[in-house]
Protein backbone atom coordinates (compact mmCIF):
# COMPACT_ATOMS: atom_id res chain seq x y z
CA MET A 1 -15.99 -2.67 5.52
CA SER A 2 -17.12 -6.16 5.41
CA ALA A 3 -16.52 -6.43 1.67
CA GLY A 4 -14.37 -9.51 2.18
CA GLY A 5 -17.08 -11.67 3.69
CA ALA A 6 -19.72 -10.01 1.56
CA VAL A 7 -18.22 -10.78 -1.81
CA LEU A 8 -18.10 -14.46 -0.89
CA ALA A 9 -21.85 -14.24 -1.39
CA ALA A 10 -21.11 -13.91 -5.10
CA ALA A 11 -19.35 -17.26 -5.24
CA THR A 12 -20.38 -19.12 -8.34
CA GLU A 13 -22.44 -22.18 -7.41
CA SER A 14 -21.30 -22.83 -3.83
CA GLU A 15 -18.36 -25.15 -3.86
CA GLN A 16 -17.42 -27.26 -0.86
CA VAL A 17 -14.19 -26.26 0.87
CA GLY A 18 -12.92 -28.54 3.62
CA SER A 19 -15.30 -30.71 5.63
CA PRO A 20 -18.86 -29.38 6.26
CA ALA A 21 -19.15 -31.64 9.34
CA VAL A 22 -16.04 -30.10 10.92
CA ASN A 23 -17.19 -26.58 10.05
CA ILE A 24 -20.69 -27.15 11.51
CA ALA A 25 -19.19 -28.59 14.74
CA ILE A 26 -16.87 -25.59 15.19
CA PHE A 27 -19.62 -23.07 14.33
CA GLY A 28 -21.99 -24.81 16.76
CA ALA A 29 -19.44 -24.78 19.59
CA PHE A 30 -18.82 -21.07 19.11
CA VAL A 31 -22.53 -20.18 19.03
CA LEU A 32 -23.23 -22.29 22.15
CA VAL A 33 -20.41 -20.73 24.19
CA THR A 34 -21.32 -17.16 23.22
CA LEU A 35 -25.02 -17.72 23.90
CA VAL A 36 -24.20 -18.89 27.44
CA ILE A 37 -22.10 -15.75 27.97
CA VAL A 38 -24.85 -13.50 26.57
CA PHE A 39 -27.48 -15.03 28.88
CA ARG A 40 -25.19 -14.60 31.91
CA ALA A 41 -24.45 -10.99 30.96
CA SER A 42 -28.15 -10.15 30.53
CA ARG A 43 -29.19 -10.61 34.16
CA ASN A 44 -28.90 -6.93 35.06
CA ASN A 45 -30.40 -5.32 31.94
CA SER A 46 -33.14 -3.29 33.62
CA THR A 47 -32.48 0.38 32.77
CA ALA A 48 -31.68 2.19 29.53
CA ALA A 49 -28.08 2.71 30.72
CA ASP A 50 -27.77 -1.08 31.23
CA TYR A 51 -29.23 -1.95 27.84
CA TYR A 52 -27.58 0.76 25.68
CA ALA A 53 -24.31 1.33 27.52
CA ALA A 54 -23.76 -1.91 29.52
CA GLY A 55 -24.19 0.06 32.75
CA ARG A 56 -20.93 1.87 31.86
CA SER A 57 -19.18 -1.04 33.55
CA PHE A 58 -16.37 -1.88 31.12
CA THR A 59 -12.76 -0.82 31.62
CA GLY A 60 -10.69 0.91 28.95
CA PRO A 61 -8.79 -2.27 27.92
CA GLN A 62 -12.03 -4.31 27.81
CA ASN A 63 -13.79 -1.66 25.72
CA GLY A 64 -10.72 -1.25 23.49
CA THR A 65 -10.77 -4.99 22.77
CA ALA A 66 -14.51 -4.79 22.01
CA ILE A 67 -13.91 -1.81 19.70
CA ALA A 68 -11.29 -3.88 17.85
CA GLY A 69 -13.87 -6.69 17.62
CA ASP A 70 -16.45 -4.25 16.27
CA TYR A 71 -14.06 -2.66 13.78
CA LEU A 72 -12.17 -5.68 12.44
CA SER A 73 -14.91 -7.01 10.19
CA ALA A 74 -14.58 -9.77 7.62
CA ALA A 75 -13.03 -7.33 5.12
CA SER A 76 -10.09 -6.81 7.45
CA PHE A 77 -9.35 -10.52 7.45
CA LEU A 78 -10.66 -11.85 4.12
CA GLY A 79 -10.68 -8.75 1.93
CA ILE A 80 -7.33 -7.19 2.80
CA CYS A 81 -5.47 -10.52 2.72
CA GLY A 82 -6.79 -11.06 -0.81
CA ALA A 83 -5.98 -7.50 -1.85
CA ILE A 84 -2.37 -7.88 -0.67
CA ALA A 85 -2.05 -11.32 -2.29
CA LEU A 86 -3.05 -9.93 -5.69
CA ASN A 87 -1.96 -6.29 -5.53
CA GLY A 88 0.78 -6.26 -2.91
CA TYR A 89 1.72 -2.76 -1.79
CA ASP A 90 -1.52 -1.18 -3.02
CA GLY A 91 -3.56 -3.79 -1.14
CA PHE A 92 -1.78 -2.93 2.10
CA LEU A 93 -2.87 0.70 1.71
CA TYR A 94 -6.33 -0.42 2.93
CA SER A 95 -4.77 -1.50 6.23
CA VAL A 96 -2.97 1.83 6.53
CA GLY A 97 -6.20 3.75 5.84
CA PHE A 98 -8.26 1.79 8.36
CA LEU A 99 -5.60 2.25 11.07
CA VAL A 100 -4.95 5.96 10.47
CA ALA A 101 -8.70 6.51 10.81
CA TRP A 102 -8.40 5.74 14.52
CA LEU A 103 -6.08 8.71 15.07
CA VAL A 104 -8.95 10.95 13.94
CA ALA A 105 -11.27 9.21 16.40
CA LEU A 106 -8.73 9.44 19.24
CA LEU A 107 -7.71 13.06 18.73
CA LEU A 108 -11.05 14.60 17.79
CA VAL A 109 -14.03 12.70 19.16
CA ALA A 110 -13.48 9.89 21.72
CA GLU A 111 -13.04 11.80 24.97
CA LEU A 112 -15.23 14.76 23.97
CA LEU A 113 -18.14 12.52 22.97
CA ARG A 114 -17.96 10.50 26.19
CA ASN A 115 -18.05 13.68 28.28
CA THR A 116 -20.92 15.30 26.38
CA GLY A 117 -23.38 12.53 25.50
CA ARG A 118 -25.35 9.76 27.14
CA PHE A 119 -26.16 6.94 24.73
CA THR A 120 -26.06 8.09 21.10
CA MET A 121 -24.36 10.51 18.72
CA ALA A 122 -27.53 12.64 18.67
CA ASP A 123 -27.06 13.41 22.39
CA VAL A 124 -23.93 15.37 21.46
CA LEU A 125 -25.35 17.04 18.35
CA SER A 126 -28.51 18.21 20.14
CA PHE A 127 -26.70 19.47 23.26
CA ARG A 128 -26.77 23.15 22.21
CA LEU A 129 -29.08 22.95 19.17
CA LYS A 130 -32.83 22.43 18.77
CA GLN A 131 -33.54 18.95 20.06
CA ARG A 132 -36.24 17.50 17.82
CA PRO A 133 -35.05 18.36 14.26
CA VAL A 134 -31.40 17.57 15.04
CA ARG A 135 -32.21 14.28 16.77
CA MET A 136 -34.41 13.24 13.84
CA ALA A 137 -31.68 14.04 11.30
CA ALA A 138 -29.00 12.26 13.35
CA ALA A 139 -31.21 9.21 13.84
CA LEU A 140 -32.01 9.00 10.11
CA SER A 141 -28.34 9.19 9.12
CA THR A 142 -27.52 6.58 11.78
CA LEU A 143 -30.20 4.23 10.47
CA ALA A 144 -28.97 4.75 6.87
CA VAL A 145 -25.38 3.86 7.80
CA VAL A 146 -26.46 0.86 9.86
CA PHE A 147 -28.86 -0.47 7.22
CA PHE A 148 -26.33 -0.48 4.38
CA TYR A 149 -23.68 -1.93 6.69
CA LEU A 150 -26.09 -4.67 7.81
CA LEU A 151 -26.98 -5.65 4.24
CA ALA A 152 -23.35 -6.34 3.43
CA GLN A 153 -22.75 -8.23 6.68
CA MET A 154 -25.83 -10.42 6.28
CA ALA A 155 -25.13 -11.26 2.64
CA GLY A 156 -21.48 -11.88 3.57
CA ALA A 157 -22.54 -14.27 6.33
CA GLY A 158 -24.80 -16.16 3.92
CA GLY A 159 -22.08 -16.45 1.30
CA LEU A 160 -19.34 -17.49 3.72
CA VAL A 161 -21.35 -20.11 5.60
CA ALA A 162 -22.98 -21.46 2.45
CA LEU A 163 -19.56 -21.81 0.83
CA LEU A 164 -18.04 -23.68 3.77
CA LEU A 165 -21.03 -25.94 4.43
CA GLY A 166 -21.43 -26.86 0.78
CA VAL A 167 -24.90 -25.30 0.60
CA GLU A 168 -26.09 -24.60 -2.95
CA GLY A 169 -28.92 -22.53 -4.42
CA VAL A 170 -30.44 -19.14 -3.66
CA ALA A 171 -33.12 -20.58 -1.34
CA ALA A 172 -30.56 -22.49 0.76
CA GLN A 173 -28.32 -19.44 1.07
CA GLY A 174 -31.36 -17.37 2.01
CA LEU A 175 -32.07 -19.87 4.79
CA VAL A 176 -28.48 -19.47 6.06
CA ILE A 177 -28.93 -15.67 6.10
CA ALA A 178 -32.20 -16.10 8.05
CA VAL A 179 -30.44 -18.30 10.66
CA VAL A 180 -27.64 -15.74 11.06
CA GLY A 181 -30.24 -12.98 11.43
CA ALA A 182 -32.16 -14.95 14.05
CA LEU A 183 -28.96 -15.47 16.06
CA MET A 184 -28.19 -11.75 15.84
CA ILE A 185 -31.69 -10.85 17.10
CA LEU A 186 -31.34 -13.30 20.00
CA TYR A 187 -27.93 -11.94 21.06
CA VAL A 188 -29.07 -8.31 21.08
CA LEU A 189 -32.59 -8.92 22.40
CA VAL A 190 -31.31 -10.81 25.42
CA GLY A 191 -27.84 -9.44 26.04
CA GLY A 192 -28.15 -5.76 25.10
CA MET A 193 -24.87 -3.86 24.92
CA LYS A 194 -23.31 -5.93 27.71
CA GLY A 195 -23.85 -9.25 25.94
CA THR A 196 -22.86 -7.74 22.59
CA THR A 197 -19.66 -6.34 24.10
CA TRP A 198 -18.60 -9.73 25.46
CA VAL A 199 -19.26 -11.36 22.06
CA GLN A 200 -17.07 -8.68 20.47
CA ILE A 201 -14.28 -9.19 23.03
CA ILE A 202 -14.26 -12.96 22.43
CA LYS A 203 -14.34 -12.48 18.67
CA ALA A 204 -11.45 -9.96 18.74
CA ILE A 205 -9.30 -12.36 20.79
CA LEU A 206 -10.12 -15.28 18.47
CA LEU A 207 -9.48 -13.25 15.31
CA ILE A 208 -6.16 -11.78 16.47
CA ALA A 209 -5.01 -15.14 17.91
CA GLY A 210 -5.98 -16.98 14.71
CA ALA A 211 -4.18 -14.41 12.56
CA ALA A 212 -1.11 -14.61 14.84
CA VAL A 213 -0.92 -18.42 14.55
CA MET A 214 -1.22 -18.28 10.77
CA THR A 215 1.37 -15.47 10.59
CA LEU A 216 3.94 -17.45 12.58
CA TRP A 217 3.17 -20.55 10.50
CA VAL A 218 3.71 -18.66 7.23
CA LEU A 219 6.95 -17.07 8.49
CA ALA A 220 8.20 -20.49 9.65
CA LYS A 221 7.72 -21.78 6.08
CA PHE A 222 10.21 -19.12 4.94
CA GLY A 223 12.69 -19.43 7.81
CA PHE A 224 11.29 -16.30 9.50
CA ASN A 225 12.83 -14.25 6.69
CA LEU A 226 10.46 -11.59 5.35
CA SER A 227 12.61 -11.05 2.24
CA ASP A 228 12.26 -14.72 1.31
CA LEU A 229 8.49 -14.47 1.80
CA LEU A 230 8.26 -11.44 -0.52
CA GLN A 231 10.47 -13.18 -3.08
CA GLY A 232 8.23 -16.26 -2.90
CA ALA A 233 5.17 -14.11 -3.69
CA ILE A 234 7.02 -12.42 -6.58
CA ASP A 235 8.10 -15.77 -8.04
CA LYS A 236 4.60 -17.28 -7.75
CA ALA A 237 3.06 -14.25 -9.47
CA GLY A 238 5.11 -14.87 -12.61
CA PRO A 239 6.04 -12.12 -15.12
CA GLY A 240 5.64 -8.66 -13.62
CA GLY A 241 5.60 -10.04 -10.08
CA GLU A 242 8.10 -7.39 -8.93
CA SER A 243 5.27 -4.86 -8.96
CA LEU A 244 3.83 -6.60 -5.85
CA ILE A 245 6.36 -4.75 -3.69
CA GLU A 246 6.02 -1.43 -5.52
CA PRO A 247 3.24 1.18 -5.46
CA GLY A 248 0.94 1.59 -8.45
CA ARG A 249 -0.03 -1.98 -9.32
CA GLN A 250 -3.73 -1.26 -8.73
CA TYR A 251 -4.15 2.48 -8.22
CA GLY A 252 -1.44 3.94 -10.43
CA VAL A 253 -2.80 2.72 -13.76
CA SER A 254 -4.60 5.98 -14.59
CA ALA A 255 -5.40 9.38 -13.14
CA MET A 256 -8.98 8.23 -12.48
CA SER A 257 -7.80 5.18 -10.52
CA GLN A 258 -5.71 7.51 -8.36
CA LEU A 259 -8.72 9.78 -7.80
CA ASN A 260 -10.83 6.73 -6.90
CA PHE A 261 -8.28 5.67 -4.30
CA LEU A 262 -8.07 9.19 -2.86
CA SER A 263 -11.86 9.34 -2.58
CA LEU A 264 -12.10 5.89 -0.96
CA ALA A 265 -9.26 6.70 1.46
CA LEU A 266 -10.95 9.96 2.46
CA ALA A 267 -14.21 8.13 3.18
CA LEU A 268 -12.50 5.37 5.19
CA VAL A 269 -10.24 7.66 7.24
CA LEU A 270 -12.94 10.22 8.08
CA GLY A 271 -15.87 7.79 8.11
CA THR A 272 -14.60 5.83 11.11
CA ALA A 273 -14.94 8.87 13.41
CA GLY A 274 -18.56 9.19 12.27
CA LEU A 275 -19.61 5.51 12.41
CA PRO A 276 -22.47 5.44 14.96
CA HIS A 277 -21.80 1.87 16.19
CA VAL A 278 -18.17 2.81 16.92
CA LEU A 279 -19.10 6.10 18.62
CA MET A 280 -21.65 4.33 20.84
CA ARG A 281 -18.90 2.17 22.32
CA PHE A 282 -17.44 5.23 24.09
CA TYR A 283 -20.49 5.31 26.39
CA THR A 284 -19.83 1.83 27.83
CA VAL A 285 -16.97 3.08 30.03
CA PRO A 286 -17.35 4.99 33.31
CA SER A 287 -15.23 8.05 32.41
CA ALA A 288 -13.61 10.02 29.60
CA LYS A 289 -10.20 8.79 30.74
CA GLU A 290 -11.31 5.20 30.17
CA ALA A 291 -12.76 6.21 26.77
CA ARG A 292 -9.33 7.54 25.79
CA ARG A 293 -7.63 4.41 27.11
CA SER A 294 -10.03 2.22 25.16
CA VAL A 295 -9.12 3.95 21.88
CA VAL A 296 -5.39 3.57 22.60
CA TRP A 297 -5.92 -0.16 23.25
CA ALA A 298 -8.00 -0.44 20.07
CA ILE A 299 -5.25 1.25 18.01
CA TRP A 300 -2.62 -1.18 19.34
CA LEU A 301 -4.75 -4.27 18.71
CA ILE A 302 -5.92 -3.13 15.27
CA GLY A 303 -2.37 -2.06 14.31
CA ILE A 304 -0.88 -5.43 15.30
CA PHE A 305 -3.62 -7.24 13.40
CA TYR A 306 -2.97 -5.25 10.22
CA LEU A 307 0.73 -6.14 10.44
CA PHE A 308 -0.39 -9.78 10.47
CA THR A 309 -2.43 -9.18 7.30
CA LEU A 310 0.75 -8.08 5.51
CA VAL A 311 2.37 -11.48 6.16
CA LEU A 312 -0.86 -13.39 5.48
CA GLY A 313 -1.50 -11.56 2.20
CA TYR A 314 1.98 -12.14 0.81
CA GLY A 315 1.89 -15.66 2.30
CA ALA A 316 -1.29 -16.45 0.35
CA GLY A 317 0.36 -15.06 -2.77
CA ALA A 318 3.47 -17.21 -2.25
CA LEU A 319 1.87 -20.48 -1.05
CA VAL A 320 -1.51 -20.51 -2.84
CA GLY A 321 -0.77 -18.29 -5.82
CA PRO A 322 -2.80 -15.50 -7.46
CA GLU A 323 -4.26 -17.72 -10.18
CA ALA A 324 -5.61 -20.27 -7.67
CA ILE A 325 -7.06 -17.44 -5.56
CA LYS A 326 -8.82 -15.79 -8.51
CA ALA A 327 -10.20 -19.14 -9.70
CA ALA A 328 -11.60 -20.11 -6.27
CA PRO A 329 -15.22 -19.46 -5.14
CA GLY A 330 -15.28 -15.90 -3.84
CA GLY A 331 -12.19 -15.00 -5.88
CA VAL A 332 -9.87 -12.52 -4.18
CA ASN A 333 -11.64 -12.96 -0.85
CA SER A 334 -10.82 -16.66 -0.70
CA ALA A 335 -7.13 -15.93 -0.03
CA ALA A 336 -7.23 -16.32 3.76
CA PRO A 337 -9.37 -19.52 3.85
CA LEU A 338 -7.23 -21.08 1.08
CA LEU A 339 -4.06 -20.18 2.99
CA ALA A 340 -5.50 -21.79 6.15
CA TYR A 341 -6.34 -24.92 4.16
CA GLU A 342 -2.83 -24.95 2.66
CA LEU A 343 -1.20 -24.62 6.10
CA GLY A 344 -3.30 -26.84 8.36
CA GLY A 345 -5.92 -28.68 6.31
CA GLU A 346 -9.61 -28.83 7.15
CA ILE A 347 -9.20 -28.34 10.93
CA LEU A 348 -7.41 -24.97 10.57
CA LEU A 349 -9.79 -24.02 7.77
CA GLY A 350 -12.75 -24.83 10.04
CA LEU A 351 -11.31 -22.76 12.90
CA ILE A 352 -10.46 -19.78 10.69
CA SER A 353 -13.87 -19.94 9.02
CA ALA A 354 -15.58 -20.02 12.42
CA VAL A 355 -13.57 -16.93 13.38
CA ALA A 356 -14.69 -15.19 10.17
CA PHE A 357 -18.30 -16.16 10.98
CA ALA A 358 -17.85 -14.86 14.55
CA THR A 359 -16.52 -11.64 13.04
CA ILE A 360 -19.71 -11.09 11.05
CA LEU A 361 -21.96 -12.06 13.97
CA ALA A 362 -20.24 -9.64 16.37
CA VAL A 363 -20.41 -6.76 13.92
CA VAL A 364 -24.11 -7.25 13.09
CA ALA A 365 -24.92 -7.39 16.81
CA GLY A 366 -23.13 -4.08 17.38
CA LEU A 367 -24.89 -2.49 14.42
CA THR A 368 -28.32 -3.72 15.53
CA ILE A 369 -28.08 -2.36 19.06
CA THR A 370 -26.88 0.99 17.67
CA ALA A 371 -29.91 1.22 15.36
CA ALA A 372 -32.26 0.18 18.18
CA ALA A 373 -30.80 2.80 20.53
CA SER A 374 -31.03 5.49 17.86
CA PHE A 375 -34.70 4.81 17.17
CA ALA A 376 -35.84 4.22 20.76
CA HIS A 377 -33.74 6.93 22.46
CA ASP A 378 -33.69 9.65 19.80
CA ILE A 379 -36.90 9.26 17.77
CA TYR A 380 -39.29 7.59 20.26
CA ALA A 381 -38.18 9.00 23.63
CA ASN A 382 -37.03 12.49 22.63
CA VAL A 383 -38.93 13.37 19.42
CA ILE A 384 -42.27 11.55 19.77
CA LYS A 385 -42.55 11.50 23.59
CA ARG A 386 -40.51 14.73 24.10
CA GLY A 387 -38.46 13.15 26.90
CA GLU A 388 -41.52 12.07 28.90
CA VAL A 389 -40.89 8.34 28.96
CA ARG A 390 -39.86 5.83 31.63
CA PRO A 391 -36.48 4.09 31.17
CA ASP A 392 -38.07 0.62 31.06
CA GLY A 393 -40.55 1.85 28.43
CA GLU A 394 -37.66 3.05 26.27
CA VAL A 395 -35.92 -0.32 26.59
CA LYS A 396 -39.12 -2.14 25.53
CA VAL A 397 -39.29 -0.02 22.38
CA ALA A 398 -35.59 -0.72 21.75
CA ARG A 399 -36.21 -4.48 21.96
CA ILE A 400 -39.15 -4.27 19.55
CA THR A 401 -36.91 -2.22 17.22
CA VAL A 402 -34.25 -4.96 17.36
CA ILE A 403 -36.75 -7.49 16.01
CA ALA A 404 -37.93 -5.10 13.26
CA ILE A 405 -34.36 -4.26 12.20
CA GLY A 406 -33.38 -7.93 12.29
CA VAL A 407 -36.26 -8.90 10.00
CA LEU A 408 -35.43 -6.06 7.59
CA ALA A 409 -31.75 -7.07 7.60
CA ILE A 410 -32.67 -10.69 6.82
CA ILE A 411 -34.94 -9.66 3.91
CA GLY A 412 -32.40 -7.14 2.61
CA GLY A 413 -29.55 -9.62 3.00
CA ILE A 414 -31.43 -12.25 0.97
CA PHE A 415 -32.04 -9.72 -1.83
CA ALA A 416 -28.43 -8.48 -1.65
CA ASN A 417 -27.04 -12.03 -1.72
CA GLY A 418 -24.99 -12.43 -4.89
CA GLN A 419 -24.97 -8.68 -5.55
CA ASN A 420 -21.96 -6.41 -5.41
CA VAL A 421 -22.54 -5.72 -1.74
CA ALA A 422 -19.04 -4.26 -1.32
CA PHE A 423 -20.58 -1.05 -2.64
CA LEU A 424 -22.95 -1.00 0.36
CA VAL A 425 -20.01 -0.94 2.76
CA ALA A 426 -18.32 1.90 0.90
CA LEU A 427 -21.64 3.75 1.00
CA ALA A 428 -21.92 3.24 4.78
CA PHE A 429 -18.48 4.78 5.35
CA ALA A 430 -19.13 7.60 2.89
CA VAL A 431 -22.48 8.40 4.55
CA ALA A 432 -20.85 8.42 7.99
CA ALA A 433 -18.09 10.76 6.82
CA SER A 434 -20.51 13.04 4.93
CA ALA A 435 -23.59 13.22 7.17
CA ASN A 436 -22.16 12.70 10.66
CA LEU A 437 -18.56 13.88 10.99
CA PRO A 438 -18.90 17.53 9.84
CA THR A 439 -21.78 18.11 12.28
CA ILE A 440 -19.89 16.44 15.14
CA ILE A 441 -16.78 18.58 14.49
CA TYR A 442 -18.75 21.82 14.16
CA SER A 443 -20.86 21.07 17.27
CA LEU A 444 -17.78 20.48 19.39
CA PHE A 445 -15.50 23.26 18.10
CA TRP A 446 -17.46 26.08 16.34
CA LYS A 447 -19.17 28.56 18.65
CA ARG A 448 -21.47 30.06 15.99
CA PHE A 449 -22.71 26.71 14.64
CA ASN A 450 -26.51 26.43 14.82
CA THR A 451 -29.45 24.12 14.07
CA SER A 452 -29.79 25.28 10.46
CA GLY A 453 -26.12 24.48 9.78
CA ALA A 454 -26.52 21.03 11.34
CA LEU A 455 -29.58 20.20 9.21
CA TRP A 456 -27.97 21.51 6.00
CA SER A 457 -24.84 19.48 6.69
CA MET A 458 -26.53 16.22 7.72
CA TYR A 459 -29.28 16.09 5.11
CA GLY A 460 -27.03 17.57 2.41
CA GLY A 461 -24.27 15.06 3.12
CA LEU A 462 -26.71 12.14 3.30
CA ILE A 463 -28.64 12.98 0.11
CA SER A 464 -25.61 13.99 -1.99
CA CYS A 465 -23.75 10.83 -0.96
CA ILE A 466 -26.59 8.48 -1.94
CA VAL A 467 -27.31 10.33 -5.21
CA LEU A 468 -23.62 10.29 -6.22
CA ILE A 469 -23.40 6.55 -5.52
CA ALA A 470 -26.61 5.87 -7.48
CA PHE A 471 -25.17 7.57 -10.58
CA SER A 472 -21.66 6.11 -10.26
CA PRO A 473 -20.05 3.15 -12.11
CA VAL A 474 -20.51 1.07 -8.95
CA VAL A 475 -24.24 0.77 -9.73
CA SER A 476 -24.17 0.71 -13.55
CA GLY A 477 -21.90 1.03 -16.54
CA LYS A 478 -18.65 -0.55 -15.34
CA VAL A 479 -17.56 -3.33 -17.72
CA ASP A 480 -14.52 -5.59 -17.59
CA PRO A 481 -12.73 -4.90 -20.90
CA ALA A 482 -11.22 -8.40 -20.97
CA THR A 483 -14.45 -10.38 -20.54
CA GLY A 484 -17.16 -7.87 -21.44
CA LYS A 485 -18.99 -8.69 -18.19
CA SER A 486 -20.52 -6.05 -15.92
CA LEU A 487 -18.58 -5.21 -12.74
CA SER A 488 -21.41 -3.01 -11.45
CA MET A 489 -24.25 -3.86 -9.11
CA ILE A 490 -26.63 -4.04 -12.10
CA LYS A 491 -25.34 -6.98 -14.12
CA ASP A 492 -27.04 -6.08 -17.40
CA VAL A 493 -24.32 -4.41 -19.51
CA THR A 494 -26.97 -2.61 -21.61
CA VAL A 495 -28.11 -0.64 -18.54
CA ASP A 496 -25.84 2.34 -18.04
CA PHE A 497 -27.01 5.53 -16.34
CA HIS A 498 -23.81 6.54 -14.54
CA LEU A 499 -23.05 10.25 -14.82
CA ILE A 500 -19.79 10.55 -12.89
CA PRO A 501 -16.69 8.34 -13.25
CA LEU A 502 -15.88 8.47 -9.51
CA GLU A 503 -16.64 5.14 -7.77
CA ASN A 504 -16.75 6.50 -4.21
CA PRO A 505 -18.50 9.84 -3.51
CA GLY A 506 -16.25 10.82 -0.58
CA LEU A 507 -14.11 13.28 -2.55
CA ILE A 508 -17.24 15.31 -3.42
CA SER A 509 -19.79 14.65 -0.66
CA ILE A 510 -17.50 15.09 2.37
CA PRO A 511 -16.19 18.60 1.46
CA LEU A 512 -19.73 19.48 0.32
CA ALA A 513 -21.17 18.50 3.73
CA PHE A 514 -18.56 20.64 5.54
CA LEU A 515 -19.35 23.55 3.19
CA LEU A 516 -23.13 23.17 3.64
CA GLY A 517 -22.68 23.31 7.42
CA ILE A 518 -20.96 26.68 7.05
CA VAL A 519 -23.46 28.06 4.51
CA GLY A 520 -26.49 26.89 6.50
CA THR A 521 -25.13 28.46 9.68
CA LEU A 522 -24.27 31.82 8.07
CA LEU A 523 -27.61 32.13 6.22
CA SER A 524 -29.68 31.35 9.32
CA LYS A 525 -31.19 34.09 11.46
CA GLU A 526 -31.09 31.84 14.54
CA LYS A 527 -29.49 33.57 17.52
CA PRO A 528 -26.27 31.96 18.80
CA HIS A 529 -26.17 30.67 22.39
CA PRO A 530 -22.62 31.32 23.60
CA GLU A 531 -23.52 30.20 27.11
CA LYS A 532 -24.57 26.74 25.84
CA PHE A 533 -21.38 26.44 23.81
CA ALA A 534 -19.33 27.44 26.88
CA GLU A 535 -21.13 24.79 28.96
CA MET A 536 -20.55 22.18 26.26
CA GLU A 537 -16.89 23.16 25.91
CA VAL A 538 -16.23 22.88 29.66
CA ARG A 539 -18.07 19.56 29.89
CA SER A 540 -16.39 18.07 26.80
CA LEU A 541 -12.88 19.06 27.90
CA THR A 542 -13.09 18.46 31.65
CA GLY A 543 -15.94 15.99 32.12
CA ALA A 544 -17.59 18.32 34.66
CA GLY A 545 -21.29 17.49 34.75
CA ALA A 546 -20.87 14.50 32.44
CA GLU A 547 -21.94 11.96 35.04
CA LYS A 548 -25.01 14.03 35.85
CA ALA A 549 -25.97 13.83 32.18
CA THR A 550 -25.96 10.06 32.29
CA VAL A 551 -28.71 9.78 34.89
CA HIS A 552 -32.37 9.57 33.85
């Protein structure tokens, strides 16, 4: 979802925006303050519950704010603002999709997951199924989602910071990515989930406050009249500008564009409830009631923020103009920074850019601790050691995993820099919706569901999703008819091995994963365990025995 920050990595020859000195000073102040907070929060990180779940010490409102900080990535600020500025109504559909996704999380998974699991998604999936194969499958799908998500975030961080600091060249941008990765490793290594949560809370407050200030500023320019703002965007767009306030400007051009939107929307709406770094946040609160409260708080904060993006997007269209946005480094994703520069000069630009940087840093920290927990808790402690491991030993492995994942993310981010890394984000959501969600739903609600069904669903969803993406126009074969340039990840227009016209696999891989779960279950000779399902159902709905499950 961090396509906004990520695509800035593709900026042609980094071009200085604002004052690098101001930007460095603001970035430095933010990093210093958050590091102090992380070190203070890390004093009590002794057990696995402390490191993975922050000792379950956060309240619903605190966790809800952290969830908003985890969820509102750079795409929510940079990407959606640009999409609305250029495509109006159709751009705002992204905001609607991201917000509606939280209703799925609230109604289907939040409270039930908190009651049933301990630290990771695999705790829930393996509750009444065979531990080792299910934990391995869940951990692999978690690591796949996290890795692709991390690539986009790291490359986005490199592009954004390099753009604002006037850094040029692949080597220099690679150095920026390495610095961001080192900061991420330090935050997670020292602070664990508690430190990461506080970084996310601060980032959410800064992002929402920054968006609120810019929203009021834009509205003040138009006498607090939304109609005048929309008319300003229409006028600035020139001939055909009226389509900015009507559906179909981007996704109504052809039947295939409508199918692409449907597929992307399906992945975004269902993928959120299967994103492992979002699901893990439910374990940082002391009870299921607080888990439910945290999701309600997150929905309010995220919903208010997306209303701000509507004003900011149309404001960028009216005050900056679509031509200036498309011509700027980073193209469509430059809308929000250019609007900040238009409103308040280099100081506001520096502040908003620091907030965007904080956004990326908070998200990568959340992703890293999720991957570390998945490897250390699921693969090392429960598959390799079969549960015979001391809590402090598990935490040591988690910390080593953080360093390994951080190094891989830095290397991958450097290679992905300048690529179409937006595709990696779409893949992360599609994988989450395909590999994780069907198994979570079946585990919680279908009595007959068994280990075979879980493995068919998870591996089938994971493999089909990646194969469909690999042979889609996102990787090869998509050419801009106006310029003749490749719009795919592979920039050579002569390379074309795409087999399906669909750009996001969600429309195929998500129903397929649900179907495979049913087929795998019905074909298996494994005996059902109604007593385990009954125990899981009582625990998930009432919380009885949940606290016992959280103790080593």
